[in-house]
Amino acid sequence: MKTAKIISILGILAMTAVLVYGFTVGDFSGEGSQLLGMPWGIVSLVDLYTGFILFSMWIIYREKSLAMAILWTVGMMVLGFFAGSLYAALALYQSKGDWHKFWLGKHA
């Protein structure tokens, strides 16, 4: 579980750095339209959002509160795996070393 915690924290740090970089240096609308104009840009976005949806399904399954599950899902769609890494880190710490509780949440 220690390795999973380290990976999730590294994910939070990496995503924080690239989100700050993207929002401060990038042009979301201009670069986004270029991305959508390229076949592999579209493939990348479909791949990315398929992952977001699958991860969100896990969140919805394991969360006790539907409202919290919805908030985390919105976070995934907006902030990507910054939210996913944060959710995983919190779930790892809350599970207190119990993998069963980590994966299944309220169903454990």
PDB file of N, CA and C in Angstrom:
ATOM      1  N   MET A   1       0.829  -1.184   0.000  1.00  0.00           N
ATOM      2  CA  MET A   1       0.000   0.000   0.000  1.00  0.00           C
ATOM      3  C   MET A   1       0.877   1.253   0.000  1.00  0.00           C
ATOM      4  N   LYS A   2       2.068   1.148   0.566  1.00  0.00           N
ATOM      5  CA  LYS A   2       2.977   2.283   0.605  1.00  0.00           C
ATOM      6  C   LYS A   2       3.321   2.745  -0.822  1.00  0.00           C
ATOM      7  N   THR A   3       3.558   1.811  -1.714  1.00  0.00           N
ATOM      8  CA  THR A   3       3.880   2.152  -3.101  1.00  0.00           C
ATOM      9  C   THR A   3       2.713   2.870  -3.766  1.00  0.00           C
ATOM     10  N   ALA A   4       1.506   2.409  -3.532  1.00  0.00           N
ATOM     11  CA  ALA A   4       0.322   3.054  -4.111  1.00  0.00           C
ATOM     12  C   ALA A   4       0.172   4.476  -3.582  1.00  0.00           C
ATOM     13  N   LYS A   5       0.446   4.685  -2.302  1.00  0.00           N
ATOM     14  CA  LYS A   5       0.378   6.029  -1.731  1.00  0.00           C
ATOM     15  C   LYS A   5       1.402   6.950  -2.378  1.00  0.00           C
ATOM     16  N   ILE A   6       2.613   6.442  -2.561  1.00  0.00           N
ATOM     17  CA  ILE A   6       3.667   7.238  -3.194  1.00  0.00           C
ATOM     18  C   ILE A   6       3.274   7.602  -4.622  1.00  0.00           C
ATOM     19  N   ILE A   7       2.755   6.635  -5.360  1.00  0.00           N
ATOM     20  CA  ILE A   7       2.358   6.892  -6.749  1.00  0.00           C
ATOM     21  C   ILE A   7       1.231   7.908  -6.812  1.00  0.00           C
ATOM     22  N   SER A   8       0.258   7.793  -5.920  1.00  0.00           N
ATOM     23  CA  SER A   8      -0.855   8.754  -5.942  1.00  0.00           C
ATOM     24  C   SER A   8      -0.373  10.158  -5.577  1.00  0.00           C
ATOM     25  N   ILE A   9       0.534  10.276  -4.632  1.00  0.00           N
ATOM     26  CA  ILE A   9       1.079  11.586  -4.261  1.00  0.00           C
ATOM     27  C   ILE A   9       1.905  12.160  -5.408  1.00  0.00           C
ATOM     28  N   LEU A  10       2.695  11.328  -6.070  1.00  0.00           N
ATOM     29  CA  LEU A  10       3.446  11.792  -7.246  1.00  0.00           C
ATOM     30  C   LEU A  10       2.490  12.251  -8.348  1.00  0.00           C
ATOM     31  N   GLY A  11       1.370  11.554  -8.505  1.00  0.00           N
ATOM     32  CA  GLY A  11       0.354  11.965  -9.477  1.00  0.00           C
ATOM     33  C   GLY A  11      -0.222  13.327  -9.140  1.00  0.00           C
ATOM     34  N   ILE A  12      -0.499  13.560  -7.858  1.00  0.00           N
ATOM     35  CA  ILE A  12      -1.018  14.865  -7.427  1.00  0.00           C
ATOM     36  C   ILE A  12       0.000  15.957  -7.751  1.00  0.00           C
ATOM     37  N   LEU A  13       1.258  15.720  -7.406  1.00  0.00           N
ATOM     38  CA  LEU A  13       2.305  16.724  -7.644  1.00  0.00           C
ATOM     39  C   LEU A  13       2.514  16.991  -9.132  1.00  0.00           C
ATOM     40  N   ALA A  14       2.579  15.919  -9.927  1.00  0.00           N
ATOM     41  CA  ALA A  14       2.783  16.080 -11.366  1.00  0.00           C
ATOM     42  C   ALA A  14       1.611  16.811 -12.007  1.00  0.00           C
ATOM     43  N   MET A  15       0.398  16.418 -11.641  1.00  0.00           N
ATOM     44  CA  MET A  15      -0.777  17.071 -12.226  1.00  0.00           C
ATOM     45  C   MET A  15      -0.888  18.518 -11.777  1.00  0.00           C
ATOM     46  N   THR A  16      -0.533  18.804 -10.536  1.00  0.00           N
ATOM     47  CA  THR A  16      -0.544  20.193 -10.076  1.00  0.00           C
ATOM     48  C   THR A  16       0.406  21.025 -10.926  1.00  0.00           C
ATOM     49  N   ALA A  17       1.614  20.515 -11.139  1.00  0.00           N
ATOM     50  CA  ALA A  17       2.615  21.243 -11.925  1.00  0.00           C
ATOM     51  C   ALA A  17       2.146  21.481 -13.361  1.00  0.00           C
ATOM     52  N   VAL A  18       1.621  20.453 -14.020  1.00  0.00           N
ATOM     53  CA  VAL A  18       1.232  20.639 -15.420  1.00  0.00           C
ATOM     54  C   VAL A  18      -0.044  21.455 -15.559  1.00  0.00           C
ATOM     55  N   LEU A  19      -0.949  21.375 -14.589  1.00  0.00           N
ATOM     56  CA  LEU A  19      -2.154  22.215 -14.636  1.00  0.00           C
ATOM     57  C   LEU A  19      -1.792  23.688 -14.459  1.00  0.00           C
ATOM     58  N   VAL A  20      -0.918  23.984 -13.505  1.00  0.00           N
ATOM     59  CA  VAL A  20      -0.474  25.367 -13.315  1.00  0.00           C
ATOM     60  C   VAL A  20       0.224  25.856 -14.580  1.00  0.00           C
ATOM     61  N   TYR A  21       1.104  25.042 -15.136  1.00  0.00           N
ATOM     62  CA  TYR A  21       1.801  25.395 -16.374  1.00  0.00           C
ATOM     63  C   TYR A  21       0.800  25.652 -17.510  1.00  0.00           C
ATOM     64  N   GLY A  22      -0.119  24.739 -17.700  1.00  0.00           N
ATOM     65  CA  GLY A  22      -1.099  24.875 -18.779  1.00  0.00           C
ATOM     66  C   GLY A  22      -1.970  26.109 -18.634  1.00  0.00           C
ATOM     67  N   PHE A  23      -2.447  26.361 -17.415  1.00  0.00           N
ATOM     68  CA  PHE A  23      -3.327  27.514 -17.199  1.00  0.00           C
ATOM     69  C   PHE A  23      -2.586  28.845 -17.263  1.00  0.00           C
ATOM     70  N   THR A  24      -1.298  28.857 -16.921  1.00  0.00           N
ATOM     71  CA  THR A  24      -0.563  30.120 -16.926  1.00  0.00           C
ATOM     72  C   THR A  24       0.126  30.416 -18.251  1.00  0.00           C
ATOM     73  N   VAL A  25       0.533  29.393 -18.980  1.00  0.00           N
ATOM     74  CA  VAL A  25       1.289  29.596 -20.218  1.00  0.00           C
ATOM     75  C   VAL A  25       0.446  29.299 -21.453  1.00  0.00           C
ATOM     76  N   GLY A  26      -0.469  28.361 -21.347  1.00  0.00           N
ATOM     77  CA  GLY A  26      -1.225  27.900 -22.516  1.00  0.00           C
ATOM     78  C   GLY A  26      -2.431  28.756 -22.852  1.00  0.00           C
ATOM     79  N   ASP A  27      -2.968  28.473 -24.020  1.00  0.00           N
ATOM     80  CA  ASP A  27      -4.197  29.109 -24.505  1.00  0.00           C
ATOM     81  C   ASP A  27      -5.198  27.990 -24.745  1.00  0.00           C
ATOM     82  N   PHE A  28      -6.067  27.760 -23.761  1.00  0.00           N
ATOM     83  CA  PHE A  28      -6.962  26.608 -23.784  1.00  0.00           C
ATOM     84  C   PHE A  28      -7.828  26.558 -25.038  1.00  0.00           C
ATOM     85  N   SER A  29      -8.462  27.673 -25.378  1.00  0.00           N
ATOM     86  CA  SER A  29      -9.376  27.649 -26.527  1.00  0.00           C
ATOM     87  C   SER A  29      -8.615  27.513 -27.843  1.00  0.00           C
ATOM     88  N   GLY A  30      -7.525  28.219 -27.988  1.00  0.00           N
ATOM     89  CA  GLY A  30      -6.757  28.137 -29.229  1.00  0.00           C
ATOM     90  C   GLY A  30      -6.104  26.780 -29.423  1.00  0.00           C
ATOM     91  N   GLU A  31      -5.460  26.287 -28.394  1.00  0.00           N
ATOM     92  CA  GLU A  31      -4.781  24.993 -28.487  1.00  0.00           C
ATOM     93  C   GLU A  31      -5.779  23.842 -28.528  1.00  0.00           C
ATOM     94  N   GLY A  32      -6.905  24.022 -27.816  1.00  0.00           N
ATOM     95  CA  GLY A  32      -7.947  22.983 -27.837  1.00  0.00           C
ATOM     96  C   GLY A  32      -8.538  22.806 -29.220  1.00  0.00           C
ATOM     97  N   SER A  33      -8.749  23.918 -29.926  1.00  0.00           N
ATOM     98  CA  SER A  33      -9.298  23.816 -31.285  1.00  0.00           C
ATOM     99  C   SER A  33      -8.297  23.153 -32.227  1.00  0.00           C
ATOM    100  N   GLN A  34      -7.005  23.390 -32.021  1.00  0.00           N
ATOM    101  CA  GLN A  34      -5.986  22.707 -32.830  1.00  0.00           C
ATOM    102  C   GLN A  34      -5.991  21.209 -32.545  1.00  0.00           C
ATOM    103  N   LEU A  35      -6.098  20.878 -31.265  1.00  0.00           N
ATOM    104  CA  LEU A  35      -6.114  19.471 -30.864  1.00  0.00           C
ATOM    105  C   LEU A  35      -7.295  18.741 -31.497  1.00  0.00           C
ATOM    106  N   LEU A  36      -8.470  19.388 -31.464  1.00  0.00           N
ATOM    107  CA  LEU A  36      -9.660  18.769 -32.048  1.00  0.00           C
ATOM    108  C   LEU A  36      -9.610  18.723 -33.569  1.00  0.00           C
ATOM    109  N   GLY A  37      -8.698  19.459 -34.162  1.00  0.00           N
ATOM    110  CA  GLY A  37      -8.545  19.448 -35.615  1.00  0.00           C
ATOM    111  C   GLY A  37      -7.627  18.341 -36.121  1.00  0.00           C
ATOM    112  N   MET A  38      -7.058  17.583 -35.204  1.00  0.00           N
ATOM    113  CA  MET A  38      -6.132  16.507 -35.595  1.00  0.00           C
ATOM    114  C   MET A  38      -6.724  15.149 -35.217  1.00  0.00           C
ATOM    115  N   PRO A  39      -6.649  14.176 -36.127  1.00  0.00           N
ATOM    116  CA  PRO A  39      -7.200  12.847 -35.812  1.00  0.00           C
ATOM    117  C   PRO A  39      -6.640  12.261 -34.511  1.00  0.00           C
ATOM    118  N   TRP A  40      -5.331  12.363 -34.291  1.00  0.00           N
ATOM    119  CA  TRP A  40      -4.770  11.785 -33.078  1.00  0.00           C
ATOM    120  C   TRP A  40      -5.092  12.625 -31.849  1.00  0.00           C
ATOM    121  N   GLY A  41      -5.422  13.875 -32.036  1.00  0.00           N
ATOM    122  CA  GLY A  41      -5.913  14.687 -30.941  1.00  0.00           C
ATOM    123  C   GLY A  41      -7.261  14.189 -30.471  1.00  0.00           C
ATOM    124  N   ILE A  42      -8.121  13.856 -31.428  1.00  0.00           N
ATOM    125  CA  ILE A  42      -9.443  13.313 -31.102  1.00  0.00           C
ATOM    126  C   ILE A  42      -9.303  11.949 -30.431  1.00  0.00           C
ATOM    127  N   VAL A  43      -8.422  11.104 -30.978  1.00  0.00           N
ATOM    128  CA  VAL A  43      -8.181   9.785 -30.383  1.00  0.00           C
ATOM    129  C   VAL A  43      -7.717   9.943 -28.931  1.00  0.00           C
ATOM    130  N   SER A  44      -6.799  10.880 -28.705  1.00  0.00           N
ATOM    131  CA  SER A  44      -6.274  11.098 -27.353  1.00  0.00           C
ATOM    132  C   SER A  44      -7.367  11.545 -26.391  1.00  0.00           C
ATOM    133  N   LEU A  45      -8.235  12.433 -26.831  1.00  0.00           N
ATOM    134  CA  LEU A  45      -9.312  12.907 -25.962  1.00  0.00           C
ATOM    135  C   LEU A  45     -10.338  11.818 -25.667  1.00  0.00           C
ATOM    136  N   VAL A  46     -10.675  11.011 -26.675  1.00  0.00           N
ATOM    137  CA  VAL A  46     -11.608   9.901 -26.442  1.00  0.00           C
ATOM    138  C   VAL A  46     -10.987   8.906 -25.458  1.00  0.00           C
ATOM    139  N   ASP A  47      -9.709   8.607 -25.636  1.00  0.00           N
ATOM    140  CA  ASP A  47      -9.003   7.708 -24.730  1.00  0.00           C
ATOM    141  C   ASP A  47      -9.004   8.272 -23.313  1.00  0.00           C
ATOM    142  N   LEU A  48      -8.686   9.552 -23.183  1.00  0.00           N
ATOM    143  CA  LEU A  48      -8.628  10.212 -21.888  1.00  0.00           C
ATOM    144  C   LEU A  48      -9.976  10.180 -21.177  1.00  0.00           C
ATOM    145  N   TYR A  49     -11.031  10.555 -21.891  1.00  0.00           N
ATOM    146  CA  TYR A  49     -12.348  10.607 -21.240  1.00  0.00           C
ATOM    147  C   TYR A  49     -12.937   9.221 -21.003  1.00  0.00           C
ATOM    148  N   THR A  50     -12.529   8.232 -21.773  1.00  0.00           N
ATOM    149  CA  THR A  50     -12.923   6.849 -21.461  1.00  0.00           C
ATOM    150  C   THR A  50     -12.327   6.453 -20.112  1.00  0.00           C
ATOM    151  N   GLY A  51     -11.061   6.805 -19.903  1.00  0.00           N
ATOM    152  CA  GLY A  51     -10.417   6.544 -18.611  1.00  0.00           C
ATOM    153  C   GLY A  51     -11.086   7.293 -17.477  1.00  0.00           C
ATOM    154  N   PHE A  52     -11.428   8.570 -17.728  1.00  0.00           N
ATOM    155  CA  PHE A  52     -12.117   9.355 -16.703  1.00  0.00           C
ATOM    156  C   PHE A  52     -13.438   8.697 -16.317  1.00  0.00           C
ATOM    157  N   ILE A  53     -14.185   8.244 -17.305  1.00  0.00           N
ATOM    158  CA  ILE A  53     -15.489   7.628 -17.046  1.00  0.00           C
ATOM    159  C   ILE A  53     -15.328   6.319 -16.271  1.00  0.00           C
ATOM    160  N   LEU A  54     -14.367   5.488 -16.672  1.00  0.00           N
ATOM    161  CA  LEU A  54     -14.147   4.226 -15.963  1.00  0.00           C
ATOM    162  C   LEU A  54     -13.726   4.471 -14.516  1.00  0.00           C
ATOM    163  N   PHE A  55     -12.819   5.416 -14.308  1.00  0.00           N
ATOM    164  CA  PHE A  55     -12.381   5.737 -12.949  1.00  0.00           C
ATOM    165  C   PHE A  55     -13.545   6.290 -12.136  1.00  0.00           C
ATOM    166  N   SER A  56     -14.354   7.126 -12.765  1.00  0.00           N
ATOM    167  CA  SER A  56     -15.526   7.697 -12.088  1.00  0.00           C
ATOM    168  C   SER A  56     -16.529   6.623 -11.704  1.00  0.00           C
ATOM    169  N   MET A  57     -16.645   5.569 -12.507  1.00  0.00           N
ATOM    170  CA  MET A  57     -17.542   4.462 -12.158  1.00  0.00           C
ATOM    171  C   MET A  57     -17.084   3.802 -10.858  1.00  0.00           C
ATOM    172  N   TRP A  58     -15.761   3.676 -10.675  1.00  0.00           N
ATOM    173  CA  TRP A  58     -15.221   3.119  -9.435  1.00  0.00           C
ATOM    174  C   TRP A  58     -15.562   4.039  -8.262  1.00  0.00           C
ATOM    175  N   ILE A  59     -15.390   5.342  -8.466  1.00  0.00           N
ATOM    176  CA  ILE A  59     -15.711   6.310  -7.420  1.00  0.00           C
ATOM    177  C   ILE A  59     -17.186   6.197  -7.030  1.00  0.00           C
ATOM    178  N   ILE A  60     -18.063   6.196  -8.007  1.00  0.00           N
ATOM    179  CA  ILE A  60     -19.500   6.120  -7.748  1.00  0.00           C
ATOM    180  C   ILE A  60     -19.847   4.830  -7.003  1.00  0.00           C
ATOM    181  N   TYR A  61     -19.218   3.728  -7.388  1.00  0.00           N
ATOM    182  CA  TYR A  61     -19.477   2.444  -6.738  1.00  0.00           C
ATOM    183  C   TYR A  61     -19.074   2.471  -5.261  1.00  0.00           C
ATOM    184  N   ARG A  62     -17.907   3.042  -4.968  1.00  0.00           N
ATOM    185  CA  ARG A  62     -17.373   2.916  -3.609  1.00  0.00           C
ATOM    186  C   ARG A  62     -17.797   4.018  -2.659  1.00  0.00           C
ATOM    187  N   GLU A  63     -18.295   5.137  -3.172  1.00  0.00           N
ATOM    188  CA  GLU A  63     -18.667   6.263  -2.301  1.00  0.00           C
ATOM    189  C   GLU A  63     -19.961   5.996  -1.538  1.00  0.00           C
ATOM    190  N   LYS A  64     -20.016   6.450  -0.296  1.00  0.00           N
ATOM    191  CA  LYS A  64     -21.222   6.326   0.527  1.00  0.00           C
ATOM    192  C   LYS A  64     -22.283   7.323   0.096  1.00  0.00           C
ATOM    193  N   SER A  65     -21.859   8.504  -0.284  1.00  0.00           N
ATOM    194  CA  SER A  65     -22.768   9.588  -0.605  1.00  0.00           C
ATOM    195  C   SER A  65     -22.821   9.819  -2.116  1.00  0.00           C
ATOM    196  N   LEU A  66     -24.031   9.821  -2.664  1.00  0.00           N
ATOM    197  CA  LEU A  66     -24.188  10.099  -4.095  1.00  0.00           C
ATOM    198  C   LEU A  66     -23.718  11.509  -4.425  1.00  0.00           C
ATOM    199  N   ALA A  67     -23.980  12.457  -3.533  1.00  0.00           N
ATOM    200  CA  ALA A  67     -23.552  13.843  -3.767  1.00  0.00           C
ATOM    201  C   ALA A  67     -22.032  13.922  -3.865  1.00  0.00           C
ATOM    202  N   MET A  68     -21.321  13.238  -2.979  1.00  0.00           N
ATOM    203  CA  MET A  68     -19.851  13.236  -3.030  1.00  0.00           C
ATOM    204  C   MET A  68     -19.358  12.541  -4.299  1.00  0.00           C
ATOM    205  N   ALA A  69     -20.015  11.456  -4.672  1.00  0.00           N
ATOM    206  CA  ALA A  69     -19.630  10.746  -5.897  1.00  0.00           C
ATOM    207  C   ALA A  69     -19.783  11.662  -7.115  1.00  0.00           C
ATOM    208  N   ILE A  70     -20.857  12.430  -7.144  1.00  0.00           N
ATOM    209  CA  ILE A  70     -21.080  13.358  -8.255  1.00  0.00           C
ATOM    210  C   ILE A  70     -20.011  14.449  -8.261  1.00  0.00           C
ATOM    211  N   LEU A  71     -19.687  14.997  -7.083  1.00  0.00           N
ATOM    212  CA  LEU A  71     -18.646  16.029  -7.001  1.00  0.00           C
ATOM    213  C   LEU A  71     -17.291  15.503  -7.480  1.00  0.00           C
ATOM    214  N   TRP A  72     -16.931  14.302  -7.052  1.00  0.00           N
ATOM    215  CA  TRP A  72     -15.669  13.707  -7.491  1.00  0.00           C
ATOM    216  C   TRP A  72     -15.675  13.443  -8.995  1.00  0.00           C
ATOM    217  N   THR A  73     -16.813  13.020  -9.511  1.00  0.00           N
ATOM    218  CA  THR A  73     -16.919  12.762 -10.951  1.00  0.00           C
ATOM    219  C   THR A  73     -16.766  14.055 -11.746  1.00  0.00           C
ATOM    220  N   VAL A  74     -17.399  15.116 -11.292  1.00  0.00           N
ATOM    221  CA  VAL A  74     -17.232  16.422 -11.951  1.00  0.00           C
ATOM    222  C   VAL A  74     -15.763  16.840 -11.874  1.00  0.00           C
ATOM    223  N   GLY A  75     -15.148  16.628 -10.715  1.00  0.00           N
ATOM    224  CA  GLY A  75     -13.724  16.919 -10.567  1.00  0.00           C
ATOM    225  C   GLY A  75     -12.877  16.158 -11.567  1.00  0.00           C
ATOM    226  N   MET A  76     -13.206  14.894 -11.785  1.00  0.00           N
ATOM    227  CA  MET A  76     -12.469  14.082 -12.781  1.00  0.00           C
ATOM    228  C   MET A  76     -12.613  14.670 -14.173  1.00  0.00           C
ATOM    229  N   MET A  77     -13.818  15.073 -14.528  1.00  0.00           N
ATOM    230  CA  MET A  77     -14.063  15.582 -15.881  1.00  0.00           C
ATOM    231  C   MET A  77     -13.391  16.943 -16.111  1.00  0.00           C
ATOM    232  N   VAL A  78     -13.234  17.722 -15.047  1.00  0.00           N
ATOM    233  CA  VAL A  78     -12.660  19.066 -15.176  1.00  0.00           C
ATOM    234  C   VAL A  78     -11.154  19.073 -14.928  1.00  0.00           C
ATOM    235  N   LEU A  79     -10.713  18.384 -13.882  1.00  0.00           N
ATOM    236  CA  LEU A  79      -9.307  18.431 -13.485  1.00  0.00           C
ATOM    237  C   LEU A  79      -8.535  17.156 -13.804  1.00  0.00           C
ATOM    238  N   GLY A  80      -9.218  16.174 -14.389  1.00  0.00           N
ATOM    239  CA  GLY A  80      -8.544  14.952 -14.808  1.00  0.00           C
ATOM    240  C   GLY A  80      -7.968  14.171 -13.643  1.00  0.00           C
ATOM    241  N   PHE A  81      -6.801  13.622 -13.879  1.00  0.00           N
ATOM    242  CA  PHE A  81      -6.215  12.749 -12.871  1.00  0.00           C
ATOM    243  C   PHE A  81      -5.533  13.486 -11.735  1.00  0.00           C
ATOM    244  N   PHE A  82      -5.635  14.831 -11.695  1.00  0.00           N
ATOM    245  CA  PHE A  82      -5.337  15.522 -10.447  1.00  0.00           C
ATOM    246  C   PHE A  82      -6.386  15.059  -9.429  1.00  0.00           C
ATOM    247  N   ALA A  83      -7.658  15.144  -9.832  1.00  0.00           N
ATOM    248  CA  ALA A  83      -8.747  14.698  -8.958  1.00  0.00           C
ATOM    249  C   ALA A  83      -8.653  13.195  -8.715  1.00  0.00           C
ATOM    250  N   GLY A  84      -8.327  12.429  -9.738  1.00  0.00           N
ATOM    251  CA  GLY A  84      -8.209  10.982  -9.588  1.00  0.00           C
ATOM    252  C   GLY A  84      -7.097  10.586  -8.625  1.00  0.00           C
ATOM    253  N   SER A  85      -5.957  11.249  -8.729  1.00  0.00           N
ATOM    254  CA  SER A  85      -4.839  10.970  -7.822  1.00  0.00           C
ATOM    255  C   SER A  85      -5.178  11.368  -6.396  1.00  0.00           C
ATOM    256  N   LEU A  86      -5.834  12.510  -6.252  1.00  0.00           N
ATOM    257  CA  LEU A  86      -6.241  12.961  -4.921  1.00  0.00           C
ATOM    258  C   LEU A  86      -7.249  11.989  -4.306  1.00  0.00           C
ATOM    259  N   TYR A  87      -8.220  11.564  -5.115  1.00  0.00           N
ATOM    260  CA  TYR A  87      -9.228  10.617  -4.624  1.00  0.00           C
ATOM    261  C   TYR A  87      -8.556   9.308  -4.194  1.00  0.00           C
ATOM    262  N   ALA A  88      -7.658   8.800  -5.026  1.00  0.00           N
ATOM    263  CA  ALA A  88      -6.973   7.547  -4.700  1.00  0.00           C
ATOM    264  C   ALA A  88      -6.140   7.692  -3.428  1.00  0.00           C
ATOM    265  N   ALA A  89      -5.427   8.814  -3.285  1.00  0.00           N
ATOM    266  CA  ALA A  89      -4.619   9.028  -2.082  1.00  0.00           C
ATOM    267  C   ALA A  89      -5.505   9.048  -0.839  1.00  0.00           C
ATOM    268  N   LEU A  90      -6.604   9.784  -0.897  1.00  0.00           N
ATOM    269  CA  LEU A  90      -7.514   9.841   0.247  1.00  0.00           C
ATOM    270  C   LEU A  90      -8.095   8.464   0.559  1.00  0.00           C
ATOM    271  N   ALA A  91      -8.481   7.730  -0.479  1.00  0.00           N
ATOM    272  CA  ALA A  91      -9.035   6.382  -0.276  1.00  0.00           C
ATOM    273  C   ALA A  91      -7.993   5.445   0.338  1.00  0.00           C
ATOM    274  N   LEU A  92      -6.750   5.582  -0.083  1.00  0.00           N
ATOM    275  CA  LEU A  92      -5.673   4.754   0.476  1.00  0.00           C
ATOM    276  C   LEU A  92      -5.472   5.056   1.958  1.00  0.00           C
ATOM    277  N   TYR A  93      -5.441   6.328   2.311  1.00  0.00           N
ATOM    278  CA  TYR A  93      -5.252   6.688   3.719  1.00  0.00           C
ATOM    279  C   TYR A  93      -6.460   6.309   4.568  1.00  0.00           C
ATOM    280  N   GLN A  94      -7.663   6.481   4.034  1.00  0.00           N
ATOM    281  CA  GLN A  94      -8.872   6.149   4.790  1.00  0.00           C
ATOM    282  C   GLN A  94      -9.044   4.644   4.979  1.00  0.00           C
ATOM    283  N   SER A  95      -8.477   3.855   4.077  1.00  0.00           N
ATOM    284  CA  SER A  95      -8.629   2.396   4.179  1.00  0.00           C
ATOM    285  C   SER A  95      -7.733   1.788   5.244  1.00  0.00           C
ATOM    286  N   LYS A  96      -6.764   2.555   5.741  1.00  0.00           N
ATOM    287  CA  LYS A  96      -5.884   2.116   6.842  1.00  0.00           C
ATOM    288  C   LYS A  96      -5.234   0.759   6.570  1.00  0.00           C
ATOM    289  N   GLY A  97      -4.715   0.601   5.361  1.00  0.00           N
ATOM    290  CA  GLY A  97      -3.989  -0.625   5.027  1.00  0.00           C
ATOM    291  C   GLY A  97      -4.844  -1.778   4.555  1.00  0.00           C
ATOM    292  N   ASP A  98      -6.125  -1.592   4.467  1.00  0.00           N
ATOM    293  CA  ASP A  98      -7.050  -2.661   4.056  1.00  0.00           C
ATOM    294  C   ASP A  98      -7.381  -2.499   2.567  1.00  0.00           C
ATOM    295  N   TRP A  99      -6.781  -3.353   1.735  1.00  0.00           N
ATOM    296  CA  TRP A  99      -7.006  -3.260   0.289  1.00  0.00           C
ATOM    297  C   TRP A  99      -8.463  -3.483  -0.070  1.00  0.00           C
ATOM    298  N   HIS A 100      -9.101  -4.371   0.650  1.00  0.00           N
ATOM    299  CA  HIS A 100     -10.513  -4.660   0.398  1.00  0.00           C
ATOM    300  C   HIS A 100     -11.348  -3.386   0.568  1.00  0.00           C
ATOM    301  N   LYS A 101     -11.093  -2.667   1.646  1.00  0.00           N
ATOM    302  CA  LYS A 101     -11.805  -1.415   1.898  1.00  0.00           C
ATOM    303  C   LYS A 101     -11.426  -0.353   0.857  1.00  0.00           C
ATOM    304  N   PHE A 102     -10.163  -0.327   0.451  1.00  0.00           N
ATOM    305  CA  PHE A 102      -9.731   0.629  -0.570  1.00  0.00           C
ATOM    306  C   PHE A 102     -10.519   0.422  -1.868  1.00  0.00           C
ATOM    307  N   TRP A 103     -10.578  -0.801  -2.326  1.00  0.00           N
ATOM    308  CA  TRP A 103     -11.232  -1.071  -3.626  1.00  0.00           C
ATOM    309  C   TRP A 103     -12.746  -0.985  -3.547  1.00  0.00           C
ATOM    310  N   LEU A 104     -13.342  -1.454  -2.449  1.00  0.00           N
ATOM    311  CA  LEU A 104     -14.788  -1.582  -2.381  1.00  0.00           C
ATOM    312  C   LEU A 104     -15.500  -0.474  -1.629  1.00  0.00           C
ATOM    313  N   GLY A 105     -14.772   0.325  -0.846  1.00  0.00           N
ATOM    314  CA  GLY A 105     -15.390   1.431  -0.122  1.00  0.00           C
ATOM    315  C   GLY A 105     -16.560   0.987   0.730  1.00  0.00           C
ATOM    316  N   LYS A 106     -17.733   1.542   0.468  1.00  0.00           N
ATOM    317  CA  LYS A 106     -18.919   1.242   1.280  1.00  0.00           C
ATOM    318  C   LYS A 106     -19.350  -0.220   1.200  1.00  0.00           C
ATOM    319  N   HIS A 107     -18.878  -0.939   0.211  1.00  0.00           N
ATOM    320  CA  HIS A 107     -19.276  -2.347   0.039  1.00  0.00           C
ATOM    321  C   HIS A 107     -18.356  -3.313   0.769  1.00  0.00           C
ATOM    322  N   ALA A 108     -17.307  -2.783   1.416  1.00  0.00           N
ATOM    323  CA  ALA A 108     -16.333  -3.658   2.094  1.00  0.00           C
ATOM    324  C   ALA A 108     -16.918  -4.219   3.386  1.00  0.00           C
TER     325      ALA A 108
END
